[in-house]
Amino acid sequence: PLPTRLLGSFDGENDLEHLLRLASAAVSRLQSHQLSSLEQSGLSEDGKVLTTWQLEIPMRNQQDIVPLQVRVQREDEPEDSKKQQAEQPAQQREPLWRVELAFDLDPLGPLQIQAQLLRGSLSGQLWAQWPATARLIDSQLDSLRERLLDSGLAVSDLQCHQGTPPQGPRTQLEQRWVDETA
């Protein structure tokens, strides 16, 4: 679907040229998303193996299509460390999973979610930029906690904050990874 700001610009002779540029930008965006969703592996500062999958999923919200940005990360002990720790119980060698979501849904506004899962225990932080949305989410956290417990997860921490998450040395989830007018 074409963004509303682009639809108003169709007004005559250059419509075909404009549509071709939009189609080219859409193909470029699709190719970029396919490349960025490939598995990426690296090492963290403390030597742990990080495997990251990153993708953007189109999601329908009433008449609009909005992107849902997803980053899934698995943190494992390095192979050398696994051999040294072979005596430890398997529970202590389980990977740490992180999931980050970012989206902007009308009427809730921009939301970001960060969750971690380790040994069946889930912790999560939610950030809503709008105060009313943060209050609404905060009022529903107990219900979310109950549903997660019913699904078999141990919930150690769930919090909602107003604003945006603090950014460390890693890259934050952006509104758009690729400019649609490229």
C-alpha atoms as a PDB file:
ATOM      1  CA  PRO A   1       0.000   0.000   0.000  1.00  0.00           C
ATOM      2  CA  LEU A   2       1.110   3.497  -0.763  1.00  0.00           C
ATOM      3  CA  PRO A   3       1.519   5.914   2.128  1.00  0.00           C
ATOM      4  CA  THR A   4      -1.114   8.658   2.176  1.00  0.00           C
ATOM      5  CA  ARG A   5       1.463  11.391   1.666  1.00  0.00           C
ATOM      6  CA  LEU A   6       2.447   9.807  -1.659  1.00  0.00           C
ATOM      7  CA  LEU A   7      -1.076   9.261  -2.970  1.00  0.00           C
ATOM      8  CA  GLY A   8      -1.800  12.989  -3.051  1.00  0.00           C
ATOM      9  CA  SER A   9       1.147  13.625  -5.363  1.00  0.00           C
ATOM     10  CA  PHE A  10      -0.372  11.819  -8.386  1.00  0.00           C
ATOM     11  CA  ASP A  11      -1.593  14.594 -10.631  1.00  0.00           C
ATOM     12  CA  GLY A  12      -0.992  13.935 -14.307  1.00  0.00           C
ATOM     13  CA  GLU A  13       1.803  13.202 -16.755  1.00  0.00           C
ATOM     14  CA  ASN A  14       4.461  12.031 -14.332  1.00  0.00           C
ATOM     15  CA  ASP A  15       2.231   9.430 -12.673  1.00  0.00           C
ATOM     16  CA  LEU A  16       3.854   6.475 -14.480  1.00  0.00           C
ATOM     17  CA  GLU A  17       7.364   7.700 -13.687  1.00  0.00           C
ATOM     18  CA  HIS A  18       6.377   8.246 -10.068  1.00  0.00           C
ATOM     19  CA  LEU A  19       4.822   4.770  -9.831  1.00  0.00           C
ATOM     20  CA  LEU A  20       7.980   3.222 -11.315  1.00  0.00           C
ATOM     21  CA  ARG A  21      10.119   4.982  -8.698  1.00  0.00           C
ATOM     22  CA  LEU A  22       7.792   3.733  -5.943  1.00  0.00           C
ATOM     23  CA  ALA A  23       7.915   0.188  -7.338  1.00  0.00           C
ATOM     24  CA  SER A  24      11.705   0.334  -7.497  1.00  0.00           C
ATOM     25  CA  ALA A  25      11.865   1.573  -3.902  1.00  0.00           C
ATOM     26  CA  ALA A  26       9.501  -1.224  -2.798  1.00  0.00           C
ATOM     27  CA  VAL A  27      11.662  -3.890  -4.468  1.00  0.00           C
ATOM     28  CA  SER A  28      14.804  -2.411  -2.883  1.00  0.00           C
ATOM     29  CA  ARG A  29      13.103  -2.403   0.510  1.00  0.00           C
ATOM     30  CA  LEU A  30      12.030  -6.034   0.081  1.00  0.00           C
ATOM     31  CA  GLN A  31      15.547  -7.115  -0.886  1.00  0.00           C
ATOM     32  CA  SER A  32      17.019  -5.253   2.067  1.00  0.00           C
ATOM     33  CA  HIS A  33      14.559  -6.900   4.468  1.00  0.00           C
ATOM     34  CA  GLN A  34      15.376 -10.325   3.094  1.00  0.00           C
ATOM     35  CA  LEU A  35      19.074  -9.700   3.647  1.00  0.00           C
ATOM     36  CA  SER A  36      18.612  -8.241   7.125  1.00  0.00           C
ATOM     37  CA  SER A  37      16.484 -11.201   8.218  1.00  0.00           C
ATOM     38  CA  LEU A  38      19.317 -13.627   7.608  1.00  0.00           C
ATOM     39  CA  GLU A  39      20.973 -15.095  10.670  1.00  0.00           C
ATOM     40  CA  GLN A  40      23.855 -12.974  11.918  1.00  0.00           C
ATOM     41  CA  SER A  41      26.351 -14.362  14.395  1.00  0.00           C
ATOM     42  CA  GLY A  42      29.028 -12.658  16.426  1.00  0.00           C
ATOM     43  CA  LEU A  43      30.626 -12.472  19.839  1.00  0.00           C
ATOM     44  CA  SER A  44      29.567 -10.242  22.703  1.00  0.00           C
ATOM     45  CA  GLU A  45      32.096  -8.259  24.740  1.00  0.00           C
ATOM     46  CA  ASP A  46      32.230 -11.048  27.326  1.00  0.00           C
ATOM     47  CA  GLY A  47      32.930 -13.734  24.687  1.00  0.00           C
ATOM     48  CA  LYS A  48      29.448 -15.237  24.404  1.00  0.00           C
ATOM     49  CA  VAL A  49      28.129 -16.281  20.993  1.00  0.00           C
ATOM     50  CA  LEU A  50      25.260 -14.040  19.824  1.00  0.00           C
ATOM     51  CA  THR A  51      23.006 -15.181  16.999  1.00  0.00           C
ATOM     52  CA  THR A  52      20.555 -12.539  15.782  1.00  0.00           C
ATOM     53  CA  TRP A  53      17.579 -12.665  13.459  1.00  0.00           C
ATOM     54  CA  GLN A  54      16.011  -9.362  12.496  1.00  0.00           C
ATOM     55  CA  LEU A  55      12.942  -8.829  10.332  1.00  0.00           C
ATOM     56  CA  GLU A  56      10.032  -6.545   9.674  1.00  0.00           C
ATOM     57  CA  ILE A  57       6.553  -8.014   9.368  1.00  0.00           C
ATOM     58  CA  PRO A  58       3.735  -6.060   7.712  1.00  0.00           C
ATOM     59  CA  MET A  59       0.708  -5.960   9.992  1.00  0.00           C
ATOM     60  CA  ARG A  60      -2.802  -4.697   9.230  1.00  0.00           C
ATOM     61  CA  ASN A  61      -4.203  -2.085  11.606  1.00  0.00           C
ATOM     62  CA  GLN A  62      -7.690  -1.129  10.406  1.00  0.00           C
ATOM     63  CA  GLN A  63      -7.107   0.321   6.903  1.00  0.00           C
ATOM     64  CA  ASP A  64      -3.344   0.785   7.311  1.00  0.00           C
ATOM     65  CA  ILE A  65      -0.408  -1.580   7.001  1.00  0.00           C
ATOM     66  CA  VAL A  66       2.143  -0.912   9.740  1.00  0.00           C
ATOM     67  CA  PRO A  67       5.546  -2.557  10.152  1.00  0.00           C
ATOM     68  CA  LEU A  68       6.216  -4.760  13.161  1.00  0.00           C
ATOM     69  CA  GLN A  69       9.973  -4.800  13.712  1.00  0.00           C
ATOM     70  CA  VAL A  70      11.252  -7.965  15.362  1.00  0.00           C
ATOM     71  CA  ARG A  71      14.704  -8.837  16.631  1.00  0.00           C
ATOM     72  CA  VAL A  72      15.333 -12.281  18.133  1.00  0.00           C
ATOM     73  CA  GLN A  73      18.694 -12.927  19.741  1.00  0.00           C
ATOM     74  CA  ARG A  74      20.154 -16.104  21.211  1.00  0.00           C
ATOM     75  CA  GLU A  75      23.135 -15.900  23.563  1.00  0.00           C
ATOM     76  CA  ASP A  76      25.196 -19.069  24.046  1.00  0.00           C
ATOM     77  CA  GLU A  77      28.354 -19.917  25.916  1.00  0.00           C
ATOM     78  CA  PRO A  78      31.342 -20.325  23.572  1.00  0.00           C
ATOM     79  CA  GLU A  79      32.289 -23.889  22.587  1.00  0.00           C
ATOM     80  CA  ASP A  80      35.521 -23.810  24.674  1.00  0.00           C
ATOM     81  CA  SER A  81      33.559 -22.760  27.717  1.00  0.00           C
ATOM     82  CA  LYS A  82      31.031 -25.562  27.157  1.00  0.00           C
ATOM     83  CA  LYS A  83      33.780 -28.170  27.284  1.00  0.00           C
ATOM     84  CA  GLN A  84      35.162 -26.711  30.501  1.00  0.00           C
ATOM     85  CA  GLN A  85      31.719 -26.594  32.069  1.00  0.00           C
ATOM     86  CA  ALA A  86      30.647 -30.109  31.021  1.00  0.00           C
ATOM     87  CA  GLU A  87      30.237 -31.045  34.673  1.00  0.00           C
ATOM     88  CA  GLN A  88      27.611 -28.330  35.234  1.00  0.00           C
ATOM     89  CA  PRO A  89      23.951 -29.290  34.991  1.00  0.00           C
ATOM     90  CA  ALA A  90      22.366 -28.749  31.584  1.00  0.00           C
ATOM     91  CA  GLN A  91      20.051 -26.095  33.101  1.00  0.00           C
ATOM     92  CA  GLN A  92      22.966 -23.726  33.691  1.00  0.00           C
ATOM     93  CA  ARG A  93      24.094 -23.992  30.051  1.00  0.00           C
ATOM     94  CA  GLU A  94      20.733 -23.062  28.526  1.00  0.00           C
ATOM     95  CA  PRO A  95      20.805 -20.154  26.087  1.00  0.00           C
ATOM     96  CA  LEU A  96      19.446 -16.731  26.914  1.00  0.00           C
ATOM     97  CA  TRP A  97      16.799 -15.607  24.425  1.00  0.00           C
ATOM     98  CA  ARG A  98      15.983 -11.940  23.839  1.00  0.00           C
ATOM     99  CA  VAL A  99      13.085 -10.602  21.779  1.00  0.00           C
ATOM    100  CA  GLU A 100      12.622  -6.948  20.884  1.00  0.00           C
ATOM    101  CA  LEU A 101       9.523  -5.602  19.172  1.00  0.00           C
ATOM    102  CA  ALA A 102       8.808  -2.106  17.894  1.00  0.00           C
ATOM    103  CA  PHE A 103       5.603  -0.871  16.277  1.00  0.00           C
ATOM    104  CA  ASP A 104       3.287   2.116  16.060  1.00  0.00           C
ATOM    105  CA  LEU A 105      -0.412   1.261  16.299  1.00  0.00           C
ATOM    106  CA  ASP A 106      -3.163   3.806  16.082  1.00  0.00           C
ATOM    107  CA  PRO A 107      -4.591   4.777  18.664  1.00  0.00           C
ATOM    108  CA  LEU A 108      -1.871   3.475  21.032  1.00  0.00           C
ATOM    109  CA  GLY A 109       1.113   5.211  19.466  1.00  0.00           C
ATOM    110  CA  PRO A 110       4.706   3.984  19.357  1.00  0.00           C
ATOM    111  CA  LEU A 111       5.460   0.933  21.524  1.00  0.00           C
ATOM    112  CA  GLN A 112       8.659  -0.989  22.185  1.00  0.00           C
ATOM    113  CA  ILE A 113       8.941  -4.299  24.003  1.00  0.00           C
ATOM    114  CA  GLN A 114      12.035  -6.084  25.277  1.00  0.00           C
ATOM    115  CA  ALA A 115      11.704  -9.586  26.713  1.00  0.00           C
ATOM    116  CA  GLN A 116      14.234 -12.138  27.969  1.00  0.00           C
ATOM    117  CA  LEU A 117      13.735 -15.852  28.479  1.00  0.00           C
ATOM    118  CA  LEU A 118      16.198 -17.920  30.493  1.00  0.00           C
ATOM    119  CA  ARG A 119      15.484 -21.393  31.896  1.00  0.00           C
ATOM    120  CA  GLY A 120      11.739 -20.937  31.474  1.00  0.00           C
ATOM    121  CA  SER A 121      11.711 -17.614  33.321  1.00  0.00           C
ATOM    122  CA  LEU A 122      10.480 -14.555  31.437  1.00  0.00           C
ATOM    123  CA  SER A 123      11.159 -10.917  32.199  1.00  0.00           C
ATOM    124  CA  GLY A 124       9.954  -8.026  30.115  1.00  0.00           C
ATOM    125  CA  GLN A 125       9.932  -4.273  29.772  1.00  0.00           C
ATOM    126  CA  LEU A 126       7.400  -2.327  27.743  1.00  0.00           C
ATOM    127  CA  TRP A 127       7.728   1.310  26.729  1.00  0.00           C
ATOM    128  CA  ALA A 128       4.852   3.424  25.480  1.00  0.00           C
ATOM    129  CA  GLN A 129       5.598   6.928  24.311  1.00  0.00           C
ATOM    130  CA  TRP A 130       2.139   8.244  25.166  1.00  0.00           C
ATOM    131  CA  PRO A 131       1.212   8.546  28.875  1.00  0.00           C
ATOM    132  CA  ALA A 132      -2.353   7.255  28.369  1.00  0.00           C
ATOM    133  CA  THR A 133      -1.059   4.136  26.619  1.00  0.00           C
ATOM    134  CA  ALA A 134       1.501   3.517  29.372  1.00  0.00           C
ATOM    135  CA  ARG A 135      -1.285   3.724  31.991  1.00  0.00           C
ATOM    136  CA  LEU A 136      -3.486   1.352  29.974  1.00  0.00           C
ATOM    137  CA  ILE A 137      -0.710  -1.227  29.582  1.00  0.00           C
ATOM    138  CA  ASP A 138       0.276  -0.911  33.241  1.00  0.00           C
ATOM    139  CA  SER A 139      -3.319  -1.626  34.266  1.00  0.00           C
ATOM    140  CA  GLN A 140      -3.273  -4.859  32.202  1.00  0.00           C
ATOM    141  CA  LEU A 141       0.108  -6.261  33.318  1.00  0.00           C
ATOM    142  CA  ASP A 142      -1.443  -8.484  36.013  1.00  0.00           C
ATOM    143  CA  SER A 143      -3.696 -10.089  33.407  1.00  0.00           C
ATOM    144  CA  LEU A 144      -0.717 -10.604  31.091  1.00  0.00           C
ATOM    145  CA  ARG A 145       1.288 -12.136  33.934  1.00  0.00           C
ATOM    146  CA  GLU A 146      -1.565 -14.584  34.685  1.00  0.00           C
ATOM    147  CA  ARG A 147      -1.830 -15.625  31.027  1.00  0.00           C
ATOM    148  CA  LEU A 148       1.926 -16.182  30.803  1.00  0.00           C
ATOM    149  CA  LEU A 149       1.872 -18.247  34.020  1.00  0.00           C
ATOM    150  CA  ASP A 150      -1.041 -20.289  32.630  1.00  0.00           C
ATOM    151  CA  SER A 151       1.035 -21.027  29.517  1.00  0.00           C
ATOM    152  CA  GLY A 152       3.794 -22.542  31.676  1.00  0.00           C
ATOM    153  CA  LEU A 153       6.271 -19.662  31.931  1.00  0.00           C
ATOM    154  CA  ALA A 154       7.652 -18.363  35.189  1.00  0.00           C
ATOM    155  CA  VAL A 155       7.393 -14.573  35.109  1.00  0.00           C
ATOM    156  CA  SER A 156      10.087 -12.839  37.103  1.00  0.00           C
ATOM    157  CA  ASP A 157       9.511  -9.238  36.087  1.00  0.00           C
ATOM    158  CA  LEU A 158       7.059  -7.271  33.937  1.00  0.00           C
ATOM    159  CA  GLN A 159       7.130  -3.488  33.857  1.00  0.00           C
ATOM    160  CA  CYS A 160       5.710  -0.730  31.697  1.00  0.00           C
ATOM    161  CA  HIS A 161       7.352   2.661  31.330  1.00  0.00           C
ATOM    162  CA  GLN A 162       6.364   5.872  29.635  1.00  0.00           C
ATOM    163  CA  GLY A 163       8.886   7.113  27.041  1.00  0.00           C
ATOM    164  CA  THR A 164      11.503   5.181  25.086  1.00  0.00           C
ATOM    165  CA  PRO A 165      13.938   2.510  26.262  1.00  0.00           C
ATOM    166  CA  PRO A 166      17.415   3.626  27.270  1.00  0.00           C
ATOM    167  CA  GLN A 167      19.918   2.902  24.517  1.00  0.00           C
ATOM    168  CA  GLY A 168      23.195   1.228  25.290  1.00  0.00           C
ATOM    169  CA  PRO A 169      26.050   0.512  22.898  1.00  0.00           C
ATOM    170  CA  ARG A 170      23.835  -1.598  20.639  1.00  0.00           C
ATOM    171  CA  THR A 171      21.650  -0.302  17.835  1.00  0.00           C
ATOM    172  CA  GLN A 172      18.131   0.662  18.704  1.00  0.00           C
ATOM    173  CA  LEU A 173      15.106  -0.440  16.700  1.00  0.00           C
ATOM    174  CA  GLU A 174      14.398   2.370  14.275  1.00  0.00           C
ATOM    175  CA  GLN A 175      11.047   3.530  12.952  1.00  0.00           C
ATOM    176  CA  ARG A 176      12.117   2.316   9.507  1.00  0.00           C
ATOM    177  CA  TRP A 177      15.282   0.374   8.691  1.00  0.00           C
ATOM    178  CA  VAL A 178      15.275   1.441   5.047  1.00  0.00           C
ATOM    179  CA  ASP A 179      13.951   4.708   3.635  1.00  0.00           C
ATOM    180  CA  GLU A 180      10.926   3.860   1.481  1.00  0.00           C
ATOM    181  CA  THR A 181      11.781   6.679  -0.934  1.00  0.00           C
ATOM    182  CA  ALA A 182      15.272   5.297  -1.653  1.00  0.00           C
END
